[in-house]
Amino acid sequence: MIIHSNTSLAMPRILTNACLLFAVMIIAWSPFSGGARLPTLLLAMVGGGLLLVKLSALREQRAVRRWTVVFLLLWLPMWLSLLHAFDVKATFAAIAWFGLMYLAGVTLVVLLQQALVRQLLARWLGWVIALWILDSAIQYLFGVDMLGMPKTPEGRITGMFSDLHQGILMLAVLPLIFYHWQPKYGWLAWAMLLGAGVVVVLSGARGYLYIYMLLLLLGLWRHQPGWKAWLAVLSIPLLVAVFSSLLNPQLAKTKLQATQTMAASEQTTFDRFNHALTYRLNLWETGLHMWQAEPLTGIGSNNYKRAYAQYASRTDDRFVANRTHSHNIYVEWLAETGLVGGLGLVCIIVLCVRWFRQATVADQSQAWPYALPLMVIYFPINTTQPMLVPWWFPVLLLLACAFIASLERSQDDHPT
């Protein structure tokens, strides 16, 4: 049996299964050493082979051409950011790494044009997330998870992870799992939705609850149900928050106190919101200074952390000594690639909306589970990871390529 999107791009079944495994491992291997780097590299190697052997056939594929346009709208601004790069070597390293992402994307676009492969992807990822939920429950009950990973001192549930990445990874793939299971196993889909919500909130990251609510709101907006369905679904975040507070009252109290600091009379308005947002206003303000310094092409890709101390303006900014990312896609992308990069990102969004609207209703339904998390992640009023992070961009790559591929008419498998 050979699985393919067209005759000229036939992929042997063993290679298809291997690439599908690599795609799943982008999520499944995230808690472990190297994270998504190894499976992404393996996908890039396959993509390089496809370009060498099937270049003419790839050129004919609309999905591959669309992915190429998306890639160039991101990659070219990275090259232009070299003009005023804070650290030229760091920018060259980012450009080279991002080139590998194109090759991995070619593999994913070719692979995921098959409805059967997308179904298998959702099924396998469903088992991964179910395992993470079970592992988190064990960590909550016994203090350590199945691998011996303990809760944080303040009681945060992180599962197999040593950081808070589990929550955002769950949210990124939750819609495609939900829509895969909902037609036949509705109760299981809703149980997964609720279970993931509780785990996300128990991580203590308020931004994740916000993203969870956006997923539900945009999902409802798409299907336009009656007011009873709106009421029932919108009660889910409240139920999740209340249940999570009962499970971990200490963490809930800490988060409530952080929110109450906004009303402290001795602080300025900036300080109130800054403290409530875990000092992220400092990060965004410094990113604005970077963009103002080099508004057209930015300070160079992969330089936000490196240049932070030079552009920070507040003496009490804790991130000067402990540098981190901006917690906002647009702030960091504009700071590093300027207006050119910002315009490229806007063009990508416009093109994706156009491609979605031009598709048939059936193809739109196939693409929606991937469009939904991308809409939430790129929602302007949000605090998420920046794009060019080795553990995070492969996840965005998987969603974007699945979105582009699912807009194509899937062909049946053909026996050899």
Protein backbone atom coordinates (compact mmCIF):
# COMPACT_ATOMS: atom_id res chain seq x y z
CA MET A 1 0.00 0.00 0.00
CA ILE A 2 1.25 3.48 -0.86
CA ILE A 3 -0.32 6.57 0.69
CA HIS A 4 -0.04 9.73 -1.38
CA SER A 5 -1.61 13.05 -2.23
CA ASN A 6 -1.11 12.46 -5.94
CA THR A 7 0.52 9.85 -8.12
CA SER A 8 3.77 11.77 -8.67
CA LEU A 9 4.28 12.31 -4.93
CA ALA A 10 3.65 8.77 -3.76
CA MET A 11 5.19 7.97 -0.38
CA PRO A 12 5.82 4.37 0.72
CA ARG A 13 3.65 3.35 3.63
CA ILE A 14 6.62 2.81 5.93
CA LEU A 15 7.85 6.35 5.24
CA THR A 16 4.36 7.76 5.75
CA ASN A 17 4.05 6.03 9.11
CA ALA A 18 7.51 7.19 10.14
CA CYS A 19 6.71 10.81 9.25
CA LEU A 20 3.40 10.56 11.09
CA LEU A 21 5.29 9.32 14.14
CA PHE A 22 7.71 12.25 13.86
CA ALA A 23 4.75 14.66 13.70
CA VAL A 24 3.24 13.17 16.85
CA MET A 25 6.62 13.29 18.58
CA ILE A 26 6.71 17.07 18.15
CA ILE A 27 4.17 17.06 20.97
CA ALA A 28 4.84 13.74 22.69
CA TRP A 29 8.60 14.22 23.13
CA SER A 30 8.30 17.82 24.36
CA PRO A 31 8.83 16.97 28.07
CA PHE A 32 12.11 15.19 27.37
CA SER A 33 15.65 16.07 26.34
CA GLY A 34 15.78 17.99 23.06
CA GLY A 35 12.01 18.39 22.90
CA ALA A 36 10.68 18.90 19.38
CA ARG A 37 14.14 19.41 17.87
CA LEU A 38 14.87 15.80 16.88
CA PRO A 39 11.49 14.93 15.26
CA THR A 40 11.53 18.27 13.42
CA LEU A 41 15.05 17.57 12.14
CA LEU A 42 13.95 14.13 10.93
CA LEU A 43 10.99 15.68 9.10
CA ALA A 44 13.38 18.21 7.55
CA MET A 45 15.60 15.40 6.28
CA VAL A 46 12.62 13.78 4.58
CA GLY A 47 11.63 17.16 3.14
CA GLY A 48 15.11 17.64 1.74
CA GLY A 49 14.87 14.23 0.07
CA LEU A 50 11.49 15.11 -1.43
CA LEU A 51 12.89 18.34 -2.88
CA LEU A 52 15.81 16.48 -4.43
CA VAL A 53 13.71 13.69 -5.93
CA LYS A 54 10.28 15.25 -6.55
CA LEU A 55 10.94 18.97 -7.10
CA SER A 56 8.85 19.26 -10.27
CA ALA A 57 5.90 17.47 -8.67
CA LEU A 58 6.14 19.63 -5.55
CA ARG A 59 6.00 22.79 -7.67
CA GLU A 60 2.66 21.64 -9.06
CA GLN A 61 1.10 21.25 -5.62
CA ARG A 62 -0.93 24.26 -4.54
CA ALA A 63 -0.50 23.39 -0.86
CA VAL A 64 3.30 23.33 -1.21
CA ARG A 65 3.24 26.66 -3.05
CA ARG A 66 1.12 28.16 -0.29
CA TRP A 67 3.48 26.91 2.39
CA THR A 68 6.40 28.37 0.43
CA VAL A 69 4.70 31.79 0.38
CA VAL A 70 4.08 31.64 4.14
CA PHE A 71 7.67 30.64 4.77
CA LEU A 72 9.14 33.41 2.59
CA LEU A 73 6.98 36.06 4.25
CA LEU A 74 8.69 35.11 7.52
CA TRP A 75 12.17 34.21 6.27
CA LEU A 76 12.88 37.26 4.09
CA PRO A 77 12.31 39.74 6.96
CA MET A 78 14.78 37.68 9.01
CA TRP A 79 17.41 38.22 6.30
CA LEU A 80 16.66 41.94 6.17
CA SER A 81 16.99 42.18 9.94
CA LEU A 82 20.71 41.52 9.46
CA LEU A 83 21.10 45.17 8.39
CA HIS A 84 20.97 46.43 11.98
CA ALA A 85 21.31 43.19 13.91
CA PHE A 86 22.43 43.50 17.52
CA ASP A 87 24.25 40.17 17.19
CA VAL A 88 24.82 39.13 13.57
CA LYS A 89 25.89 35.59 14.45
CA ALA A 90 22.70 35.00 16.44
CA THR A 91 20.59 36.21 13.52
CA PHE A 92 22.46 34.00 11.03
CA ALA A 93 21.88 31.03 13.36
CA ALA A 94 18.13 31.79 13.44
CA ILE A 95 18.02 32.11 9.63
CA ALA A 96 19.77 28.75 9.17
CA TRP A 97 17.53 27.02 11.71
CA PHE A 98 14.41 28.48 10.09
CA GLY A 99 15.53 27.11 6.72
CA LEU A 100 15.24 23.62 8.18
CA MET A 101 11.69 24.46 9.21
CA TYR A 102 10.80 24.95 5.55
CA LEU A 103 11.96 21.43 4.72
CA ALA A 104 10.03 19.98 7.65
CA GLY A 105 6.98 21.93 6.49
CA VAL A 106 7.20 20.45 3.00
CA THR A 107 7.03 16.97 4.51
CA LEU A 108 4.06 17.87 6.71
CA VAL A 109 2.11 19.53 3.89
CA VAL A 110 2.55 16.50 1.61
CA LEU A 111 1.79 14.06 4.44
CA LEU A 112 -1.25 15.78 5.92
CA GLN A 113 -3.21 16.20 2.70
CA GLN A 114 -4.58 12.73 3.43
CA ALA A 115 -7.67 12.70 5.63
CA LEU A 116 -6.69 9.29 6.99
CA VAL A 117 -3.31 10.59 8.14
CA ARG A 118 -4.92 13.60 9.84
CA GLN A 119 -7.32 11.26 11.63
CA LEU A 120 -4.44 9.13 12.85
CA LEU A 121 -2.60 12.26 13.97
CA ALA A 122 -5.59 13.37 16.03
CA ARG A 123 -6.06 9.89 17.48
CA TRP A 124 -2.43 9.51 18.53
CA LEU A 125 -2.27 13.01 19.96
CA GLY A 126 -5.47 12.26 21.87
CA TRP A 127 -3.74 9.37 23.63
CA VAL A 128 -0.73 11.58 24.37
CA ILE A 129 -2.86 14.29 25.98
CA ALA A 130 -4.92 11.69 27.86
CA LEU A 131 -1.66 10.31 29.28
CA TRP A 132 -0.59 13.81 30.30
CA ILE A 133 -3.90 14.39 32.09
CA LEU A 134 -3.56 11.07 33.93
CA ASP A 135 0.05 11.87 34.82
CA SER A 136 -0.98 15.28 36.14
CA ALA A 137 -3.69 13.68 38.28
CA ILE A 138 -1.08 11.33 39.76
CA GLN A 139 1.20 14.30 40.44
CA TYR A 140 -1.63 16.13 42.22
CA LEU A 141 -2.62 13.12 44.35
CA PHE A 142 0.83 11.83 45.27
CA GLY A 143 3.06 14.89 44.91
CA VAL A 144 5.09 13.36 42.07
CA ASP A 145 4.15 12.14 38.62
CA MET A 146 4.88 8.76 37.00
CA LEU A 147 8.44 9.84 36.20
CA GLY A 148 9.11 11.24 39.66
CA MET A 149 8.61 14.89 38.68
CA PRO A 150 7.35 16.77 41.78
CA LYS A 151 4.87 19.60 42.06
CA THR A 152 6.37 23.06 42.32
CA PRO A 153 6.79 24.52 45.85
CA GLU A 154 3.65 26.64 45.41
CA GLY A 155 1.66 23.59 44.29
CA ARG A 156 1.61 24.09 40.52
CA ILE A 157 0.86 20.98 38.47
CA THR A 158 3.36 20.64 35.63
CA GLY A 159 3.11 16.94 34.79
CA MET A 160 6.19 15.52 33.10
CA PHE A 161 7.53 19.00 32.43
CA SER A 162 10.00 20.98 34.51
CA ASP A 163 8.33 24.21 33.36
CA LEU A 164 4.82 25.41 32.41
CA HIS A 165 4.91 24.27 28.78
CA GLN A 166 2.42 21.43 29.26
CA GLY A 167 -0.58 23.75 29.39
CA ILE A 168 0.07 25.65 26.17
CA LEU A 169 0.93 22.44 24.28
CA MET A 170 -2.34 20.88 25.45
CA LEU A 171 -4.31 23.91 24.31
CA ALA A 172 -2.63 23.95 20.90
CA VAL A 173 -3.84 20.45 19.97
CA LEU A 174 -7.02 20.25 22.06
CA PRO A 175 -9.37 21.43 19.25
CA LEU A 176 -8.23 18.82 16.72
CA ILE A 177 -8.61 16.08 19.35
CA PHE A 178 -12.05 17.35 20.38
CA TYR A 179 -13.37 17.57 16.81
CA HIS A 180 -11.95 14.13 16.01
CA TRP A 181 -13.68 12.42 18.92
CA GLN A 182 -16.87 14.46 19.16
CA PRO A 183 -18.90 12.80 16.34
CA LYS A 184 -18.56 9.22 17.69
CA TYR A 185 -17.42 9.67 21.28
CA GLY A 186 -19.03 12.90 22.37
CA TRP A 187 -18.74 12.16 26.09
CA LEU A 188 -15.02 11.41 25.70
CA ALA A 189 -14.44 14.63 23.78
CA TRP A 190 -16.13 16.71 26.48
CA ALA A 191 -14.30 14.81 29.23
CA MET A 192 -11.00 15.60 27.49
CA LEU A 193 -12.01 19.26 27.20
CA LEU A 194 -12.85 19.49 30.90
CA GLY A 195 -9.87 17.44 32.07
CA ALA A 196 -7.42 19.50 30.04
CA GLY A 197 -9.01 22.68 31.36
CA VAL A 198 -8.52 21.61 34.97
CA VAL A 199 -4.89 20.62 34.35
CA VAL A 200 -4.22 23.92 32.57
CA VAL A 201 -5.65 25.96 35.43
CA LEU A 202 -3.80 23.91 38.05
CA SER A 203 -0.57 24.94 36.33
CA GLY A 204 -1.20 28.39 37.77
CA ALA A 205 -0.76 30.23 34.45
CA ARG A 206 -3.65 32.68 34.19
CA GLY A 207 -2.90 33.30 30.53
CA TYR A 208 -3.72 29.68 29.78
CA LEU A 209 -7.22 30.05 31.21
CA TYR A 210 -7.68 33.10 28.97
CA ILE A 211 -6.59 31.05 25.93
CA TYR A 212 -8.92 28.24 27.00
CA MET A 213 -11.83 30.70 27.09
CA LEU A 214 -10.91 32.09 23.66
CA LEU A 215 -10.95 28.57 22.21
CA LEU A 216 -14.46 28.03 23.52
CA LEU A 217 -15.72 31.45 22.36
CA LEU A 218 -14.36 31.11 18.84
CA GLY A 219 -15.59 27.53 18.62
CA LEU A 220 -19.10 28.72 19.48
CA TRP A 221 -18.85 31.63 17.07
CA ARG A 222 -18.03 29.23 14.25
CA HIS A 223 -21.04 26.95 14.86
CA GLN A 224 -23.56 29.62 15.94
CA PRO A 225 -25.60 27.44 18.33
CA GLY A 226 -28.65 28.48 20.37
CA TRP A 227 -28.43 30.47 23.59
CA LYS A 228 -28.63 27.33 25.72
CA ALA A 229 -25.51 25.92 24.09
CA TRP A 230 -23.75 29.27 24.56
CA LEU A 231 -24.67 29.27 28.23
CA ALA A 232 -23.63 25.67 28.76
CA VAL A 233 -20.26 25.98 27.03
CA LEU A 234 -19.40 29.35 28.55
CA SER A 235 -20.02 27.89 32.00
CA ILE A 236 -17.16 25.44 31.43
CA PRO A 237 -14.35 27.93 32.25
CA LEU A 238 -16.20 28.93 35.44
CA LEU A 239 -16.63 25.30 36.47
CA VAL A 240 -12.99 24.59 35.68
CA ALA A 241 -11.81 27.60 37.68
CA VAL A 242 -14.00 26.77 40.68
CA PHE A 243 -13.05 23.09 40.67
CA SER A 244 -9.37 23.94 40.32
CA SER A 245 -9.62 26.41 43.22
CA LEU A 246 -11.11 23.70 45.41
CA LEU A 247 -8.31 21.31 44.42
CA ASN A 248 -5.56 23.85 45.12
CA PRO A 249 -6.79 26.69 47.36
CA GLN A 250 -3.25 27.87 48.13
CA LEU A 251 -2.47 28.56 44.48
CA ALA A 252 -5.87 30.19 43.96
CA LYS A 253 -5.22 32.49 46.93
CA THR A 254 -1.83 33.51 45.54
CA LYS A 255 -3.34 34.36 42.16
CA LEU A 256 -6.17 36.31 43.77
CA GLN A 257 -3.72 38.37 45.78
CA ALA A 258 -1.77 39.19 42.64
CA THR A 259 -4.96 40.44 40.99
CA GLN A 260 -5.92 42.50 44.05
CA THR A 261 -2.66 44.45 43.87
CA MET A 262 -4.18 46.40 40.98
CA ALA A 263 -6.24 48.26 43.59
CA ALA A 264 -3.25 49.23 45.74
CA SER A 265 -3.43 53.02 46.19
CA GLU A 266 0.31 53.56 46.67
CA GLN A 267 1.15 52.30 43.17
CA THR A 268 0.93 54.03 39.82
CA THR A 269 -1.47 52.67 37.22
CA PHE A 270 1.48 51.22 35.30
CA ASP A 271 2.81 49.47 38.41
CA ARG A 272 -0.60 48.03 39.27
CA PHE A 273 -1.13 46.43 35.89
CA ASN A 274 2.53 45.48 35.60
CA HIS A 275 2.43 43.56 38.88
CA ALA A 276 -0.88 41.91 38.00
CA LEU A 277 0.57 40.84 34.62
CA THR A 278 3.70 39.39 36.25
CA TYR A 279 5.75 42.39 35.09
CA ARG A 280 5.10 41.76 31.43
CA LEU A 281 4.56 45.47 30.78
CA ASN A 282 8.31 45.81 31.29
CA LEU A 283 8.88 43.24 28.55
CA TRP A 284 6.49 44.94 26.13
CA GLU A 285 7.80 48.43 26.84
CA THR A 286 11.38 47.31 26.21
CA GLY A 287 10.29 45.62 22.99
CA LEU A 288 8.72 48.93 21.92
CA HIS A 289 12.04 50.67 22.57
CA MET A 290 13.80 48.12 20.35
CA TRP A 291 11.32 48.73 17.54
CA GLN A 292 11.63 52.51 17.90
CA ALA A 293 15.41 52.20 17.56
CA GLU A 294 15.18 50.23 14.30
CA PRO A 295 11.57 50.60 13.06
CA LEU A 296 12.03 49.27 9.53
CA THR A 297 14.04 46.04 9.87
CA GLY A 298 14.34 45.58 13.65
CA ILE A 299 17.31 44.69 15.83
CA GLY A 300 17.80 41.26 14.25
CA SER A 301 16.11 37.90 14.67
CA ASN A 302 17.03 35.98 17.81
CA ASN A 303 18.20 39.16 19.57
CA TYR A 304 15.39 40.19 21.92
CA LYS A 305 16.98 38.55 24.96
CA ARG A 306 20.50 39.54 23.95
CA ALA A 307 19.65 43.23 23.53
CA TYR A 308 17.22 43.51 26.44
CA ALA A 309 19.58 45.17 28.93
CA GLN A 310 20.57 47.84 26.42
CA TYR A 311 16.97 48.88 25.71
CA ALA A 312 15.41 48.49 29.18
CA SER A 313 14.61 51.88 30.71
CA ARG A 314 13.38 51.10 34.24
CA THR A 315 15.85 50.69 37.08
CA ASP A 316 13.67 48.12 38.83
CA ASP A 317 13.28 45.90 35.75
CA ARG A 318 13.96 42.38 37.02
CA PHE A 319 14.42 41.01 33.51
CA VAL A 320 17.67 42.88 32.94
CA ALA A 321 19.42 40.28 35.11
CA ASN A 322 17.03 37.38 34.31
CA ARG A 323 16.29 37.76 30.63
CA THR A 324 13.29 36.07 29.07
CA HIS A 325 11.16 36.34 25.95
CA SER A 326 8.50 39.00 25.47
CA HIS A 327 5.43 36.77 26.12
CA ASN A 328 3.83 38.28 23.00
CA ILE A 329 4.25 37.18 19.39
CA TYR A 330 3.79 40.63 17.86
CA VAL A 331 6.00 42.56 20.30
CA GLU A 332 9.01 40.30 19.80
CA TRP A 333 8.53 39.90 16.05
CA LEU A 334 8.27 43.68 15.53
CA ALA A 335 11.26 44.31 17.79
CA GLU A 336 13.41 41.83 15.89
CA THR A 337 12.21 42.27 12.27
CA GLY A 338 10.57 45.71 12.30
CA LEU A 339 7.76 46.93 10.08
CA VAL A 340 8.90 44.63 7.28
CA GLY A 341 8.37 41.57 9.48
CA GLY A 342 5.11 42.93 10.85
CA LEU A 343 3.78 43.49 7.34
CA GLY A 344 4.80 39.96 6.36
CA LEU A 345 2.94 38.51 9.34
CA VAL A 346 -0.19 40.53 8.49
CA CYS A 347 0.01 39.29 4.89
CA ILE A 348 0.13 35.69 6.13
CA ILE A 349 -2.98 36.20 8.24
CA VAL A 350 -4.84 37.84 5.33
CA LEU A 351 -3.82 35.03 2.96
CA CYS A 352 -4.91 32.31 5.39
CA VAL A 353 -8.31 33.95 5.82
CA ARG A 354 -8.64 34.24 2.05
CA TRP A 355 -7.65 30.61 1.46
CA PHE A 356 -10.14 29.47 4.08
CA ARG A 357 -12.98 31.51 2.61
CA GLN A 358 -12.23 30.25 -0.91
CA ALA A 359 -12.42 26.59 0.17
CA THR A 360 -15.54 24.46 0.00
CA VAL A 361 -17.67 24.04 3.11
CA ALA A 362 -16.39 20.47 3.51
CA ASP A 363 -12.76 21.56 3.27
CA GLN A 364 -13.40 24.39 5.72
CA SER A 365 -14.72 21.86 8.21
CA GLN A 366 -11.55 19.80 7.75
CA ALA A 367 -9.34 22.87 8.31
CA TRP A 368 -11.23 24.40 11.25
CA PRO A 369 -9.63 22.27 14.03
CA TYR A 370 -6.24 23.68 12.97
CA ALA A 371 -7.44 27.20 12.22
CA LEU A 372 -9.03 27.56 15.67
CA PRO A 373 -5.84 27.21 17.78
CA LEU A 374 -3.90 29.37 15.31
CA MET A 375 -6.54 32.10 15.62
CA VAL A 376 -6.26 32.01 19.39
CA ILE A 377 -2.46 31.91 19.48
CA TYR A 378 -2.21 34.86 17.07
CA PHE A 379 -5.04 36.79 18.74
CA PRO A 380 -3.53 40.28 19.27
CA ILE A 381 -4.58 40.64 22.91
CA ASN A 382 -2.75 37.61 24.19
CA THR A 383 0.34 36.61 26.17
CA THR A 384 1.90 33.60 24.49
CA GLN A 385 5.35 32.41 23.48
CA PRO A 386 7.10 34.23 20.61
CA MET A 387 7.28 32.35 17.32
CA LEU A 388 10.97 31.55 16.92
CA VAL A 389 11.46 29.30 19.93
CA PRO A 390 12.85 25.80 19.19
CA TRP A 391 10.33 24.00 21.41
CA TRP A 392 7.33 26.08 20.26
CA PHE A 393 7.67 26.91 16.56
CA PRO A 394 7.48 23.22 15.48
CA VAL A 395 4.03 23.15 17.12
CA LEU A 396 2.96 26.22 15.12
CA LEU A 397 4.52 24.58 12.06
CA LEU A 398 2.45 21.43 12.58
CA LEU A 399 -0.79 23.42 12.94
CA ALA A 400 -0.07 25.73 9.99
CA CYS A 401 0.90 22.91 7.62
CA ALA A 402 -2.10 20.83 8.68
CA PHE A 403 -4.32 23.86 8.03
CA ILE A 404 -2.89 24.41 4.54
CA ALA A 405 -2.96 20.70 3.69
CA SER A 406 -6.53 20.15 4.91
CA LEU A 407 -7.84 22.83 2.54
CA GLU A 408 -6.92 20.55 -0.35
CA ARG A 409 -9.31 17.88 -1.58
CA SER A 410 -8.09 14.63 0.01
CA GLN A 411 -7.69 11.68 -2.31
CA ASP A 412 -8.34 8.08 -1.43
CA ASP A 413 -5.53 5.62 -0.82
CA HIS A 414 -4.60 3.61 -3.87
CA PRO A 415 -3.29 0.04 -3.67
CA THR A 416 -0.07 -0.72 -5.49
